[in-house]
Amino acid sequence: MHIGVDEAGKGPVLGPMVAAAVRGDPDALPDGIADSKRLAPERREELAAELRERDDISVGVAFVEPETIDDPETDMNLLTVRAQVEAAAEVAADADELVCDAGDVSESRFGRRVREGLAETGVSVEVHAQHRADDEHAIVGAASIVAKVERDRRVEAIADEYGEVGSGYPSDGTTREFLREYVREHGILPDCARKSWSTCADLMAAHEQSSLGDF
């Protein structure tokens, strides 16, 4: 059987990174599967629900929370491997063929690490890592859809708790303003923030160097 694995939320300053694995026959996937970034949010939700409802398709999901991302003993490449392994381990069986979106400049290194990680869970699979795999392989595109939908749900939950936070990406002015106002009011960063990201570090440095009134 084939497995596709991808992640969403590697670069945001808010919320978790999410990895997803989808196991099934690539020729039997729902119509309209594509890289999640090419689909409207409503269509992603529909496809993710259908993938989860199908008896012939299995879905695994793993979350990497901000506090783990901030751990100085690790890095995003290793965390991406671990997340993909965790998601794939939920659905993988011996002799499956797995294609993953390479989260490293070296496709071969990333693929080897995923294969070794799965072997540590007791599963022996063939692993192919490829950049832009979600564009080339429908089964990886399916995984990207699940990962993006789960990531969006977590951002929505953050907004329910804190108010408008934007997309969570450093380039989003709404996200930056949310962080700035939170630090201004509380003097610390919110738990949903990746405190080691430069966006957060710069805000805290500016706060510490100014009075609350001038920040």
N, C-alpha and C. Protein backbone atom coordinates (compact mmCIF):
# COMPACT_ATOMS: atom_id res chain seq x y z
N MET A 1 0.85 -1.18 0.00
CA MET A 1 0.00 0.00 0.00
C MET A 1 0.89 1.25 0.00
N HIS A 2 0.33 2.34 -0.47
CA HIS A 2 1.07 3.59 -0.56
C HIS A 2 0.70 4.53 0.59
N ILE A 3 1.69 5.27 1.04
CA ILE A 3 1.49 6.28 2.09
C ILE A 3 2.09 7.60 1.61
N GLY A 4 1.36 8.68 1.79
CA GLY A 4 1.88 10.02 1.55
C GLY A 4 1.99 10.76 2.85
N VAL A 5 3.06 11.52 3.01
CA VAL A 5 3.28 12.27 4.26
C VAL A 5 3.71 13.69 3.93
N ASP A 6 3.14 14.64 4.66
CA ASP A 6 3.51 16.05 4.48
C ASP A 6 3.24 16.78 5.79
N GLU A 7 3.70 18.01 5.87
CA GLU A 7 3.46 18.79 7.07
C GLU A 7 2.98 20.19 6.69
N ALA A 8 2.36 20.85 7.65
CA ALA A 8 1.91 22.24 7.48
C ALA A 8 2.33 23.02 8.73
N GLY A 9 2.66 24.28 8.52
CA GLY A 9 2.98 25.13 9.66
C GLY A 9 4.42 25.05 10.11
N LYS A 10 5.33 24.85 9.19
CA LYS A 10 6.74 24.82 9.58
C LYS A 10 7.25 26.23 9.89
N GLY A 11 6.76 27.23 9.20
CA GLY A 11 7.31 28.58 9.32
C GLY A 11 6.58 29.58 10.19
N PRO A 12 5.33 29.34 10.61
CA PRO A 12 4.62 30.34 11.40
C PRO A 12 5.26 30.62 12.75
N VAL A 13 4.89 31.76 13.33
CA VAL A 13 5.38 32.14 14.66
C VAL A 13 4.37 31.74 15.74
N LEU A 14 3.16 31.38 15.31
CA LEU A 14 2.12 30.96 16.24
C LEU A 14 1.68 29.53 15.97
N GLY A 15 1.42 28.79 17.02
CA GLY A 15 0.80 27.49 16.90
C GLY A 15 1.74 26.37 16.50
N PRO A 16 1.20 25.16 16.39
CA PRO A 16 2.02 23.98 16.15
C PRO A 16 2.34 23.77 14.68
N MET A 17 3.34 22.95 14.44
CA MET A 17 3.52 22.34 13.13
C MET A 17 2.72 21.04 13.15
N VAL A 18 2.09 20.71 12.04
CA VAL A 18 1.25 19.52 11.96
C VAL A 18 1.72 18.65 10.80
N ALA A 19 1.93 17.38 11.07
CA ALA A 19 2.26 16.42 10.02
C ALA A 19 1.08 15.47 9.86
N ALA A 20 0.87 15.02 8.63
CA ALA A 20 -0.21 14.08 8.36
C ALA A 20 0.28 13.00 7.41
N ALA A 21 -0.27 11.80 7.60
CA ALA A 21 0.02 10.67 6.71
C ALA A 21 -1.30 10.12 6.20
N VAL A 22 -1.34 9.81 4.92
CA VAL A 22 -2.53 9.20 4.32
C VAL A 22 -2.11 7.90 3.64
N ARG A 23 -2.76 6.80 3.99
CA ARG A 23 -2.45 5.48 3.43
C ARG A 23 -3.63 4.99 2.60
N GLY A 24 -3.36 4.62 1.38
CA GLY A 24 -4.42 4.12 0.52
C GLY A 24 -3.93 3.90 -0.90
N ASP A 25 -4.85 3.58 -1.78
CA ASP A 25 -4.55 3.41 -3.21
C ASP A 25 -4.60 4.79 -3.86
N PRO A 26 -3.48 5.26 -4.42
CA PRO A 26 -3.49 6.60 -5.04
C PRO A 26 -4.53 6.75 -6.13
N ASP A 27 -4.87 5.65 -6.81
CA ASP A 27 -5.85 5.71 -7.90
C ASP A 27 -7.28 5.77 -7.39
N ALA A 28 -7.47 5.57 -6.09
CA ALA A 28 -8.82 5.55 -5.53
C ALA A 28 -9.09 6.76 -4.64
N LEU A 29 -8.20 7.75 -4.69
CA LEU A 29 -8.39 8.94 -3.86
C LEU A 29 -9.55 9.78 -4.39
N PRO A 30 -10.14 10.60 -3.54
CA PRO A 30 -11.23 11.48 -4.00
C PRO A 30 -10.76 12.39 -5.14
N ASP A 31 -11.69 12.75 -6.01
CA ASP A 31 -11.38 13.67 -7.10
C ASP A 31 -11.01 15.04 -6.52
N GLY A 32 -10.09 15.71 -7.18
CA GLY A 32 -9.75 17.07 -6.79
C GLY A 32 -8.61 17.18 -5.82
N ILE A 33 -7.95 16.05 -5.50
CA ILE A 33 -6.79 16.12 -4.60
C ILE A 33 -5.67 16.90 -5.28
N ALA A 34 -5.09 17.83 -4.53
CA ALA A 34 -3.98 18.64 -5.02
C ALA A 34 -3.24 19.19 -3.82
N ASP A 35 -2.12 19.83 -4.09
CA ASP A 35 -1.40 20.54 -3.02
C ASP A 35 -2.40 21.44 -2.30
N SER A 36 -2.41 21.37 -0.97
CA SER A 36 -3.41 22.10 -0.19
C SER A 36 -3.40 23.60 -0.47
N LYS A 37 -2.24 24.14 -0.82
CA LYS A 37 -2.14 25.59 -1.05
C LYS A 37 -2.92 26.00 -2.30
N ARG A 38 -3.25 25.05 -3.16
CA ARG A 38 -3.98 25.36 -4.39
C ARG A 38 -5.49 25.31 -4.21
N LEU A 39 -5.94 24.92 -3.02
CA LEU A 39 -7.36 24.69 -2.79
C LEU A 39 -7.93 25.72 -1.83
N ALA A 40 -9.21 26.05 -2.03
CA ALA A 40 -9.90 26.94 -1.10
C ALA A 40 -10.10 26.23 0.24
N PRO A 41 -10.14 26.97 1.33
CA PRO A 41 -10.32 26.34 2.64
C PRO A 41 -11.54 25.42 2.72
N GLU A 42 -12.65 25.83 2.13
CA GLU A 42 -13.85 25.01 2.18
C GLU A 42 -13.64 23.68 1.47
N ARG A 43 -12.93 23.70 0.34
CA ARG A 43 -12.68 22.47 -0.40
C ARG A 43 -11.72 21.57 0.37
N ARG A 44 -10.71 22.17 1.03
CA ARG A 44 -9.82 21.37 1.85
C ARG A 44 -10.59 20.65 2.95
N GLU A 45 -11.51 21.36 3.59
CA GLU A 45 -12.31 20.76 4.66
C GLU A 45 -13.11 19.58 4.12
N GLU A 46 -13.73 19.76 2.97
CA GLU A 46 -14.53 18.69 2.38
C GLU A 46 -13.68 17.46 2.07
N LEU A 47 -12.52 17.68 1.46
CA LEU A 47 -11.66 16.55 1.10
C LEU A 47 -11.09 15.86 2.33
N ALA A 48 -10.69 16.64 3.33
CA ALA A 48 -10.17 16.04 4.55
C ALA A 48 -11.22 15.17 5.22
N ALA A 49 -12.46 15.65 5.26
CA ALA A 49 -13.55 14.87 5.86
C ALA A 49 -13.78 13.58 5.08
N GLU A 50 -13.74 13.67 3.76
CA GLU A 50 -13.95 12.47 2.95
C GLU A 50 -12.82 11.46 3.15
N LEU A 51 -11.59 11.94 3.23
CA LEU A 51 -10.46 11.04 3.45
C LEU A 51 -10.61 10.30 4.78
N ARG A 52 -11.08 10.99 5.80
CA ARG A 52 -11.24 10.37 7.11
C ARG A 52 -12.42 9.40 7.15
N GLU A 53 -13.42 9.65 6.33
CA GLU A 53 -14.63 8.82 6.35
C GLU A 53 -14.47 7.53 5.55
N ARG A 54 -13.53 7.51 4.63
CA ARG A 54 -13.38 6.35 3.76
C ARG A 54 -12.80 5.15 4.51
N ASP A 55 -13.40 3.97 4.33
CA ASP A 55 -12.91 2.76 4.98
C ASP A 55 -11.62 2.25 4.38
N ASP A 56 -11.36 2.60 3.12
CA ASP A 56 -10.17 2.11 2.43
C ASP A 56 -8.99 3.07 2.53
N ILE A 57 -9.13 4.12 3.33
CA ILE A 57 -8.08 5.11 3.51
C ILE A 57 -7.85 5.30 5.01
N SER A 58 -6.58 5.34 5.40
CA SER A 58 -6.23 5.57 6.81
C SER A 58 -5.48 6.89 6.93
N VAL A 59 -5.71 7.59 8.03
CA VAL A 59 -5.11 8.91 8.24
C VAL A 59 -4.43 8.95 9.62
N GLY A 60 -3.21 9.46 9.64
CA GLY A 60 -2.49 9.68 10.89
C GLY A 60 -2.06 11.12 10.98
N VAL A 61 -2.05 11.68 12.19
CA VAL A 61 -1.70 13.09 12.39
C VAL A 61 -0.79 13.21 13.60
N ALA A 62 0.18 14.12 13.51
CA ALA A 62 1.08 14.41 14.64
C ALA A 62 1.23 15.91 14.78
N PHE A 63 1.33 16.37 16.02
CA PHE A 63 1.47 17.79 16.32
C PHE A 63 2.80 18.06 17.01
N VAL A 64 3.46 19.13 16.60
CA VAL A 64 4.68 19.59 17.28
C VAL A 64 4.37 20.96 17.86
N GLU A 65 4.26 21.02 19.18
CA GLU A 65 3.81 22.23 19.85
C GLU A 65 4.94 23.27 19.96
N PRO A 66 4.57 24.54 20.17
CA PRO A 66 5.58 25.61 20.23
C PRO A 66 6.69 25.36 21.24
N GLU A 67 6.35 24.80 22.42
CA GLU A 67 7.39 24.59 23.42
C GLU A 67 8.43 23.58 22.96
N THR A 68 8.00 22.62 22.13
CA THR A 68 8.95 21.65 21.57
C THR A 68 9.79 22.31 20.49
N ILE A 69 9.17 23.14 19.67
CA ILE A 69 9.89 23.86 18.63
C ILE A 69 10.96 24.77 19.23
N ASP A 70 10.66 25.33 20.41
CA ASP A 70 11.59 26.25 21.07
C ASP A 70 12.74 25.55 21.77
N ASP A 71 12.70 24.23 21.86
CA ASP A 71 13.76 23.49 22.55
C ASP A 71 15.10 23.71 21.85
N PRO A 72 16.10 24.27 22.52
CA PRO A 72 17.38 24.55 21.87
C PRO A 72 18.16 23.30 21.49
N GLU A 73 17.73 22.14 21.99
CA GLU A 73 18.44 20.90 21.71
C GLU A 73 18.01 20.27 20.39
N THR A 74 17.07 20.89 19.68
CA THR A 74 16.62 20.31 18.42
C THR A 74 16.57 21.40 17.35
N ASP A 75 16.10 21.04 16.16
CA ASP A 75 15.93 22.01 15.07
C ASP A 75 14.75 21.58 14.21
N MET A 76 14.32 22.44 13.31
CA MET A 76 13.11 22.19 12.56
C MET A 76 13.24 20.99 11.61
N ASN A 77 14.42 20.75 11.08
CA ASN A 77 14.59 19.59 10.21
C ASN A 77 14.34 18.30 10.97
N LEU A 78 14.95 18.18 12.15
CA LEU A 78 14.76 16.97 12.95
C LEU A 78 13.32 16.86 13.45
N LEU A 79 12.73 17.97 13.82
CA LEU A 79 11.35 17.94 14.28
C LEU A 79 10.40 17.55 13.16
N THR A 80 10.70 17.98 11.94
CA THR A 80 9.87 17.59 10.80
C THR A 80 9.97 16.09 10.56
N VAL A 81 11.17 15.55 10.65
CA VAL A 81 11.33 14.10 10.53
C VAL A 81 10.51 13.39 11.59
N ARG A 82 10.66 13.81 12.84
CA ARG A 82 9.96 13.14 13.93
C ARG A 82 8.45 13.20 13.76
N ALA A 83 7.95 14.36 13.33
CA ALA A 83 6.51 14.52 13.14
C ALA A 83 6.01 13.63 12.01
N GLN A 84 6.76 13.58 10.91
CA GLN A 84 6.35 12.72 9.80
C GLN A 84 6.39 11.26 10.21
N VAL A 85 7.40 10.87 10.97
CA VAL A 85 7.49 9.49 11.45
C VAL A 85 6.30 9.17 12.35
N GLU A 86 5.98 10.07 13.27
CA GLU A 86 4.88 9.84 14.19
C GLU A 86 3.56 9.68 13.45
N ALA A 87 3.31 10.56 12.47
CA ALA A 87 2.07 10.47 11.71
C ALA A 87 2.03 9.18 10.88
N ALA A 88 3.14 8.84 10.22
CA ALA A 88 3.18 7.65 9.38
C ALA A 88 3.05 6.38 10.21
N ALA A 89 3.63 6.38 11.40
CA ALA A 89 3.60 5.19 12.25
C ALA A 89 2.18 4.81 12.64
N GLU A 90 1.25 5.76 12.62
CA GLU A 90 -0.13 5.47 12.97
C GLU A 90 -0.81 4.61 11.92
N VAL A 91 -0.30 4.62 10.68
CA VAL A 91 -1.00 3.93 9.60
C VAL A 91 -0.15 2.92 8.85
N ALA A 92 1.18 2.96 9.02
CA ALA A 92 2.08 2.17 8.19
C ALA A 92 2.08 0.69 8.56
N ALA A 93 2.35 -0.13 7.55
CA ALA A 93 2.55 -1.57 7.73
C ALA A 93 3.78 -1.98 6.94
N ASP A 94 4.37 -3.08 7.34
CA ASP A 94 5.56 -3.58 6.65
C ASP A 94 5.32 -3.68 5.16
N ALA A 95 6.34 -3.29 4.39
CA ALA A 95 6.36 -3.38 2.93
C ALA A 95 5.54 -2.28 2.24
N ASP A 96 4.99 -1.34 3.01
CA ASP A 96 4.35 -0.19 2.38
C ASP A 96 5.39 0.65 1.65
N GLU A 97 4.93 1.43 0.70
CA GLU A 97 5.79 2.38 -0.01
C GLU A 97 5.37 3.79 0.38
N LEU A 98 6.28 4.52 0.99
CA LEU A 98 5.98 5.83 1.53
C LEU A 98 6.69 6.91 0.72
N VAL A 99 5.94 7.95 0.37
CA VAL A 99 6.50 9.13 -0.29
C VAL A 99 6.25 10.31 0.62
N CYS A 100 7.30 11.06 0.95
CA CYS A 100 7.15 12.20 1.85
C CYS A 100 7.72 13.45 1.21
N ASP A 101 7.16 14.57 1.62
CA ASP A 101 7.68 15.86 1.18
C ASP A 101 8.95 16.15 1.99
N ALA A 102 10.07 16.28 1.30
CA ALA A 102 11.36 16.41 1.97
C ALA A 102 11.47 17.75 2.70
N GLY A 103 11.66 17.68 4.01
CA GLY A 103 11.81 18.89 4.81
C GLY A 103 13.26 19.23 5.07
N ASP A 104 14.12 18.97 4.10
CA ASP A 104 15.56 19.15 4.25
C ASP A 104 16.09 19.46 2.85
N VAL A 105 17.19 20.19 2.76
CA VAL A 105 17.78 20.45 1.44
C VAL A 105 18.22 19.16 0.78
N SER A 106 18.55 18.15 1.58
CA SER A 106 18.96 16.85 1.06
C SER A 106 17.79 15.89 1.11
N GLU A 107 17.24 15.55 -0.04
CA GLU A 107 16.13 14.61 -0.08
C GLU A 107 16.54 13.24 0.47
N SER A 108 17.72 12.79 0.08
CA SER A 108 18.17 11.46 0.50
C SER A 108 18.35 11.39 2.01
N ARG A 109 18.91 12.43 2.60
CA ARG A 109 19.11 12.44 4.05
C ARG A 109 17.78 12.43 4.79
N PHE A 110 16.86 13.23 4.30
CA PHE A 110 15.55 13.29 4.94
C PHE A 110 14.85 11.94 4.84
N GLY A 111 14.88 11.35 3.65
CA GLY A 111 14.23 10.06 3.47
C GLY A 111 14.85 8.98 4.35
N ARG A 112 16.17 9.01 4.47
CA ARG A 112 16.85 8.02 5.31
C ARG A 112 16.42 8.18 6.76
N ARG A 113 16.31 9.41 7.22
CA ARG A 113 15.93 9.65 8.61
C ARG A 113 14.50 9.19 8.88
N VAL A 114 13.61 9.42 7.93
CA VAL A 114 12.23 8.95 8.10
C VAL A 114 12.19 7.42 8.12
N ARG A 115 12.91 6.80 7.22
CA ARG A 115 12.95 5.33 7.18
C ARG A 115 13.51 4.76 8.48
N GLU A 116 14.59 5.36 8.98
CA GLU A 116 15.19 4.89 10.23
C GLU A 116 14.25 5.12 11.42
N GLY A 117 13.55 6.25 11.40
CA GLY A 117 12.61 6.52 12.48
C GLY A 117 11.47 5.53 12.51
N LEU A 118 10.96 5.17 11.35
CA LEU A 118 9.90 4.18 11.29
C LEU A 118 10.41 2.80 11.69
N ALA A 119 11.64 2.50 11.32
CA ALA A 119 12.22 1.21 11.71
C ALA A 119 12.29 1.08 13.22
N GLU A 120 12.54 2.20 13.90
CA GLU A 120 12.59 2.19 15.37
C GLU A 120 11.23 1.89 15.98
N THR A 121 10.15 2.13 15.23
CA THR A 121 8.81 1.80 15.71
C THR A 121 8.43 0.37 15.36
N GLY A 122 9.32 -0.32 14.63
CA GLY A 122 9.06 -1.70 14.28
C GLY A 122 8.44 -1.91 12.92
N VAL A 123 8.43 -0.85 12.08
CA VAL A 123 7.83 -0.95 10.75
C VAL A 123 8.91 -0.77 9.69
N SER A 124 8.94 -1.67 8.74
CA SER A 124 9.90 -1.59 7.65
C SER A 124 9.19 -1.18 6.37
N VAL A 125 9.49 0.01 5.89
CA VAL A 125 8.83 0.53 4.69
C VAL A 125 9.87 1.09 3.74
N GLU A 126 9.50 1.16 2.47
CA GLU A 126 10.33 1.83 1.47
C GLU A 126 9.97 3.31 1.48
N VAL A 127 10.97 4.17 1.58
CA VAL A 127 10.73 5.60 1.72
C VAL A 127 11.36 6.36 0.56
N HIS A 128 10.58 7.23 -0.04
CA HIS A 128 11.07 8.15 -1.08
C HIS A 128 10.77 9.56 -0.60
N ALA A 129 11.79 10.39 -0.47
CA ALA A 129 11.61 11.78 -0.08
C ALA A 129 11.86 12.67 -1.30
N GLN A 130 11.00 13.64 -1.47
CA GLN A 130 11.09 14.49 -2.66
C GLN A 130 10.61 15.89 -2.32
N HIS A 131 11.32 16.89 -2.82
CA HIS A 131 10.84 18.26 -2.70
C HIS A 131 9.60 18.43 -3.58
N ARG A 132 8.65 19.19 -3.06
CA ARG A 132 7.38 19.44 -3.77
C ARG A 132 6.65 18.14 -4.11
N ALA A 133 6.77 17.17 -3.24
CA ALA A 133 6.10 15.89 -3.47
C ALA A 133 4.59 16.04 -3.52
N ASP A 134 4.07 17.08 -2.82
CA ASP A 134 2.63 17.27 -2.83
C ASP A 134 2.12 17.71 -4.20
N ASP A 135 3.00 18.25 -5.04
CA ASP A 135 2.63 18.59 -6.41
C ASP A 135 2.69 17.37 -7.33
N GLU A 136 3.58 16.44 -7.04
CA GLU A 136 3.87 15.33 -7.94
C GLU A 136 3.07 14.06 -7.61
N HIS A 137 2.67 13.90 -6.35
CA HIS A 137 2.04 12.66 -5.91
C HIS A 137 0.72 12.97 -5.21
N ALA A 138 -0.37 12.43 -5.74
CA ALA A 138 -1.69 12.71 -5.16
C ALA A 138 -1.78 12.25 -3.72
N ILE A 139 -1.13 11.15 -3.37
CA ILE A 139 -1.21 10.63 -2.01
C ILE A 139 -0.53 11.59 -1.02
N VAL A 140 0.50 12.30 -1.48
CA VAL A 140 1.14 13.32 -0.64
C VAL A 140 0.28 14.57 -0.60
N GLY A 141 -0.34 14.89 -1.74
CA GLY A 141 -1.28 16.00 -1.76
C GLY A 141 -2.41 15.79 -0.77
N ALA A 142 -2.88 14.55 -0.66
CA ALA A 142 -3.93 14.24 0.32
C ALA A 142 -3.44 14.49 1.73
N ALA A 143 -2.19 14.10 2.01
CA ALA A 143 -1.62 14.34 3.33
C ALA A 143 -1.48 15.83 3.60
N SER A 144 -1.11 16.59 2.59
CA SER A 144 -0.95 18.03 2.78
C SER A 144 -2.29 18.68 3.11
N ILE A 145 -3.36 18.16 2.54
CA ILE A 145 -4.70 18.70 2.82
C ILE A 145 -5.08 18.44 4.27
N VAL A 146 -4.88 17.21 4.73
CA VAL A 146 -5.20 16.88 6.12
C VAL A 146 -4.37 17.74 7.08
N ALA A 147 -3.07 17.86 6.80
CA ALA A 147 -2.20 18.63 7.68
C ALA A 147 -2.63 20.10 7.73
N LYS A 148 -2.97 20.67 6.58
CA LYS A 148 -3.37 22.07 6.54
C LYS A 148 -4.69 22.29 7.27
N VAL A 149 -5.63 21.38 7.10
CA VAL A 149 -6.92 21.52 7.78
C VAL A 149 -6.73 21.45 9.30
N GLU A 150 -5.91 20.51 9.76
CA GLU A 150 -5.66 20.40 11.19
C GLU A 150 -4.93 21.62 11.73
N ARG A 151 -3.99 22.13 10.97
CA ARG A 151 -3.27 23.34 11.37
C ARG A 151 -4.24 24.53 11.45
N ASP A 152 -5.11 24.68 10.46
CA ASP A 152 -6.07 25.78 10.46
C ASP A 152 -7.01 25.69 11.67
N ARG A 153 -7.39 24.49 12.03
CA ARG A 153 -8.26 24.32 13.19
C ARG A 153 -7.57 24.77 14.47
N ARG A 154 -6.29 24.48 14.58
CA ARG A 154 -5.56 24.90 15.76
C ARG A 154 -5.42 26.43 15.82
N VAL A 155 -5.22 27.06 14.65
CA VAL A 155 -5.14 28.52 14.62
C VAL A 155 -6.49 29.12 15.00
N GLU A 156 -7.58 28.49 14.55
CA GLU A 156 -8.91 28.96 14.93
C GLU A 156 -9.11 28.85 16.44
N ALA A 157 -8.61 27.77 17.03
CA ALA A 157 -8.72 27.60 18.47
C ALA A 157 -7.92 28.68 19.21
N ILE A 158 -6.76 29.03 18.67
CA ILE A 158 -5.96 30.11 19.26
C ILE A 158 -6.73 31.42 19.20
N ALA A 159 -7.38 31.69 18.06
CA ALA A 159 -8.16 32.91 17.91
C ALA A 159 -9.35 32.92 18.86
N ASP A 160 -9.95 31.76 19.09
CA ASP A 160 -11.06 31.69 20.04
C ASP A 160 -10.60 32.07 21.44
N GLU A 161 -9.35 31.75 21.77
CA GLU A 161 -8.83 32.04 23.10
C GLU A 161 -8.32 33.46 23.23
N TYR A 162 -7.65 33.96 22.18
CA TYR A 162 -6.95 35.24 22.30
C TYR A 162 -7.59 36.38 21.51
N GLY A 163 -8.50 36.07 20.61
CA GLY A 163 -9.00 37.08 19.69
C GLY A 163 -8.30 36.98 18.35
N GLU A 164 -8.48 37.94 17.49
CA GLU A 164 -7.91 37.89 16.14
C GLU A 164 -6.39 37.79 16.18
N VAL A 165 -5.85 36.75 15.53
CA VAL A 165 -4.40 36.55 15.52
C VAL A 165 -3.84 36.44 14.11
N GLY A 166 -4.72 36.55 13.10
CA GLY A 166 -4.25 36.41 11.73
C GLY A 166 -3.90 34.98 11.39
N SER A 167 -3.01 34.82 10.42
CA SER A 167 -2.63 33.49 9.94
C SER A 167 -1.60 32.81 10.82
N GLY A 168 -0.92 33.60 11.64
CA GLY A 168 0.15 33.05 12.47
C GLY A 168 1.52 33.17 11.86
N TYR A 169 1.61 33.67 10.63
CA TYR A 169 2.91 33.81 9.96
C TYR A 169 3.55 35.16 10.29
N PRO A 170 4.88 35.21 10.39
CA PRO A 170 5.55 36.47 10.72
C PRO A 170 5.28 37.58 9.72
N SER A 171 4.98 37.24 8.49
CA SER A 171 4.73 38.26 7.47
C SER A 171 3.33 38.87 7.58
N ASP A 172 2.48 38.32 8.41
CA ASP A 172 1.10 38.78 8.57
C ASP A 172 1.06 39.92 9.58
N GLY A 173 0.64 41.09 9.12
CA GLY A 173 0.58 42.25 10.00
C GLY A 173 -0.35 42.06 11.18
N THR A 174 -1.44 41.33 10.98
CA THR A 174 -2.38 41.07 12.08
C THR A 174 -1.71 40.22 13.16
N THR A 175 -0.93 39.24 12.73
CA THR A 175 -0.21 38.38 13.69
C THR A 175 0.81 39.21 14.47
N ARG A 176 1.56 40.03 13.78
CA ARG A 176 2.57 40.85 14.46
C ARG A 176 1.92 41.82 15.44
N GLU A 177 0.79 42.41 15.05
CA GLU A 177 0.10 43.35 15.93
C GLU A 177 -0.45 42.63 17.16
N PHE A 178 -0.99 41.43 16.97
CA PHE A 178 -1.47 40.65 18.12
C PHE A 178 -0.33 40.42 19.12
N LEU A 179 0.81 39.98 18.63
CA LEU A 179 1.94 39.72 19.51
C LEU A 179 2.42 40.98 20.21
N ARG A 180 2.49 42.06 19.45
CA ARG A 180 2.95 43.33 20.02
C ARG A 180 2.03 43.78 21.14
N GLU A 181 0.71 43.73 20.91
CA GLU A 181 -0.24 44.17 21.92
C GLU A 181 -0.25 43.24 23.13
N TYR A 182 -0.07 41.94 22.89
CA TYR A 182 -0.03 41.00 24.01
C TYR A 182 1.17 41.28 24.91
N VAL A 183 2.32 41.50 24.28
CA VAL A 183 3.52 41.81 25.05
C VAL A 183 3.36 43.15 25.77
N ARG A 184 2.75 44.11 25.10
CA ARG A 184 2.55 45.42 25.73
C ARG A 184 1.70 45.29 27.00
N GLU A 185 0.66 44.45 26.91
CA GLU A 185 -0.28 44.32 28.03
C GLU A 185 0.24 43.41 29.14
N HIS A 186 0.91 42.32 28.76
CA HIS A 186 1.25 41.29 29.74
C HIS A 186 2.74 41.23 30.08
N GLY A 187 3.58 41.79 29.22
CA GLY A 187 5.01 41.76 29.47
C GLY A 187 5.68 40.44 29.13
N ILE A 188 4.92 39.50 28.63
CA ILE A 188 5.43 38.19 28.21
C ILE A 188 4.76 37.81 26.90
N LEU A 189 5.26 36.75 26.28
CA LEU A 189 4.66 36.23 25.06
C LEU A 189 3.58 35.20 25.39
N PRO A 190 2.56 35.05 24.55
CA PRO A 190 1.52 34.06 24.81
C PRO A 190 2.06 32.64 24.63
N ASP A 191 1.41 31.68 25.27
CA ASP A 191 1.87 30.29 25.18
C ASP A 191 1.81 29.74 23.76
N CYS A 192 0.96 30.31 22.93
CA CYS A 192 0.81 29.83 21.56
C CYS A 192 1.95 30.28 20.65
N ALA A 193 2.84 31.15 21.14
CA ALA A 193 3.91 31.70 20.31
C ALA A 193 5.16 30.84 20.37
N ARG A 194 5.88 30.82 19.26
CA ARG A 194 7.19 30.18 19.20
C ARG A 194 8.20 31.23 19.66
N LYS A 195 8.54 31.17 20.92
CA LYS A 195 9.31 32.24 21.54
C LYS A 195 10.73 32.37 21.00
N SER A 196 11.24 31.30 20.40
CA SER A 196 12.59 31.34 19.84
C SER A 196 12.64 31.97 18.46
N TRP A 197 11.48 32.20 17.83
CA TRP A 197 11.46 32.83 16.51
C TRP A 197 11.93 34.28 16.64
N SER A 198 12.59 34.78 15.61
CA SER A 198 13.14 36.13 15.68
C SER A 198 12.06 37.19 15.87
N THR A 199 10.87 36.95 15.31
CA THR A 199 9.77 37.90 15.50
C THR A 199 9.49 38.10 16.98
N CYS A 200 9.44 37.00 17.73
CA CYS A 200 9.18 37.07 19.16
C CYS A 200 10.37 37.64 19.92
N ALA A 201 11.55 37.19 19.59
CA ALA A 201 12.75 37.67 20.27
C ALA A 201 12.91 39.18 20.10
N ASP A 202 12.64 39.68 18.89
CA ASP A 202 12.75 41.11 18.64
C ASP A 202 11.72 41.91 19.43
N LEU A 203 10.50 41.37 19.54
CA LEU A 203 9.47 42.05 20.31
C LEU A 203 9.85 42.14 21.79
N MET A 204 10.34 41.05 22.33
CA MET A 204 10.72 41.05 23.74
C MET A 204 11.91 41.97 24.00
N ALA A 205 12.85 42.01 23.06
CA ALA A 205 13.99 42.91 23.21
C ALA A 205 13.54 44.36 23.20
N ALA A 206 12.62 44.69 22.29
CA ALA A 206 12.11 46.05 22.23
C ALA A 206 11.35 46.40 23.49
N HIS A 207 10.57 45.45 24.00
CA HIS A 207 9.80 45.69 25.22
C HIS A 207 10.71 45.94 26.42
N GLU A 208 11.76 45.17 26.51
CA GLU A 208 12.68 45.29 27.65
C GLU A 208 13.48 46.59 27.61
N GLN A 209 13.61 47.16 26.42
CA GLN A 209 14.43 48.37 26.28
C GLN A 209 13.61 49.64 26.33
N SER A 210 12.31 49.49 26.50
CA SER A 210 11.47 50.69 26.49
C SER A 210 10.48 50.63 27.67
N SER A 211 9.88 51.74 27.94
CA SER A 211 8.81 51.74 28.95
C SER A 211 7.55 51.18 28.31
N LEU A 212 6.60 50.78 29.13
CA LEU A 212 5.35 50.25 28.60
C LEU A 212 4.63 51.31 27.75
N GLY A 213 4.77 52.54 28.14
CA GLY A 213 4.09 53.58 27.41
C GLY A 213 4.66 53.82 26.03
N ASP A 214 5.94 53.59 25.88
CA ASP A 214 6.58 53.87 24.59
C ASP A 214 6.62 52.66 23.67
N PHE A 215 6.37 51.47 24.20
CA PHE A 215 6.53 50.23 23.41
C PHE A 215 5.50 50.15 22.30
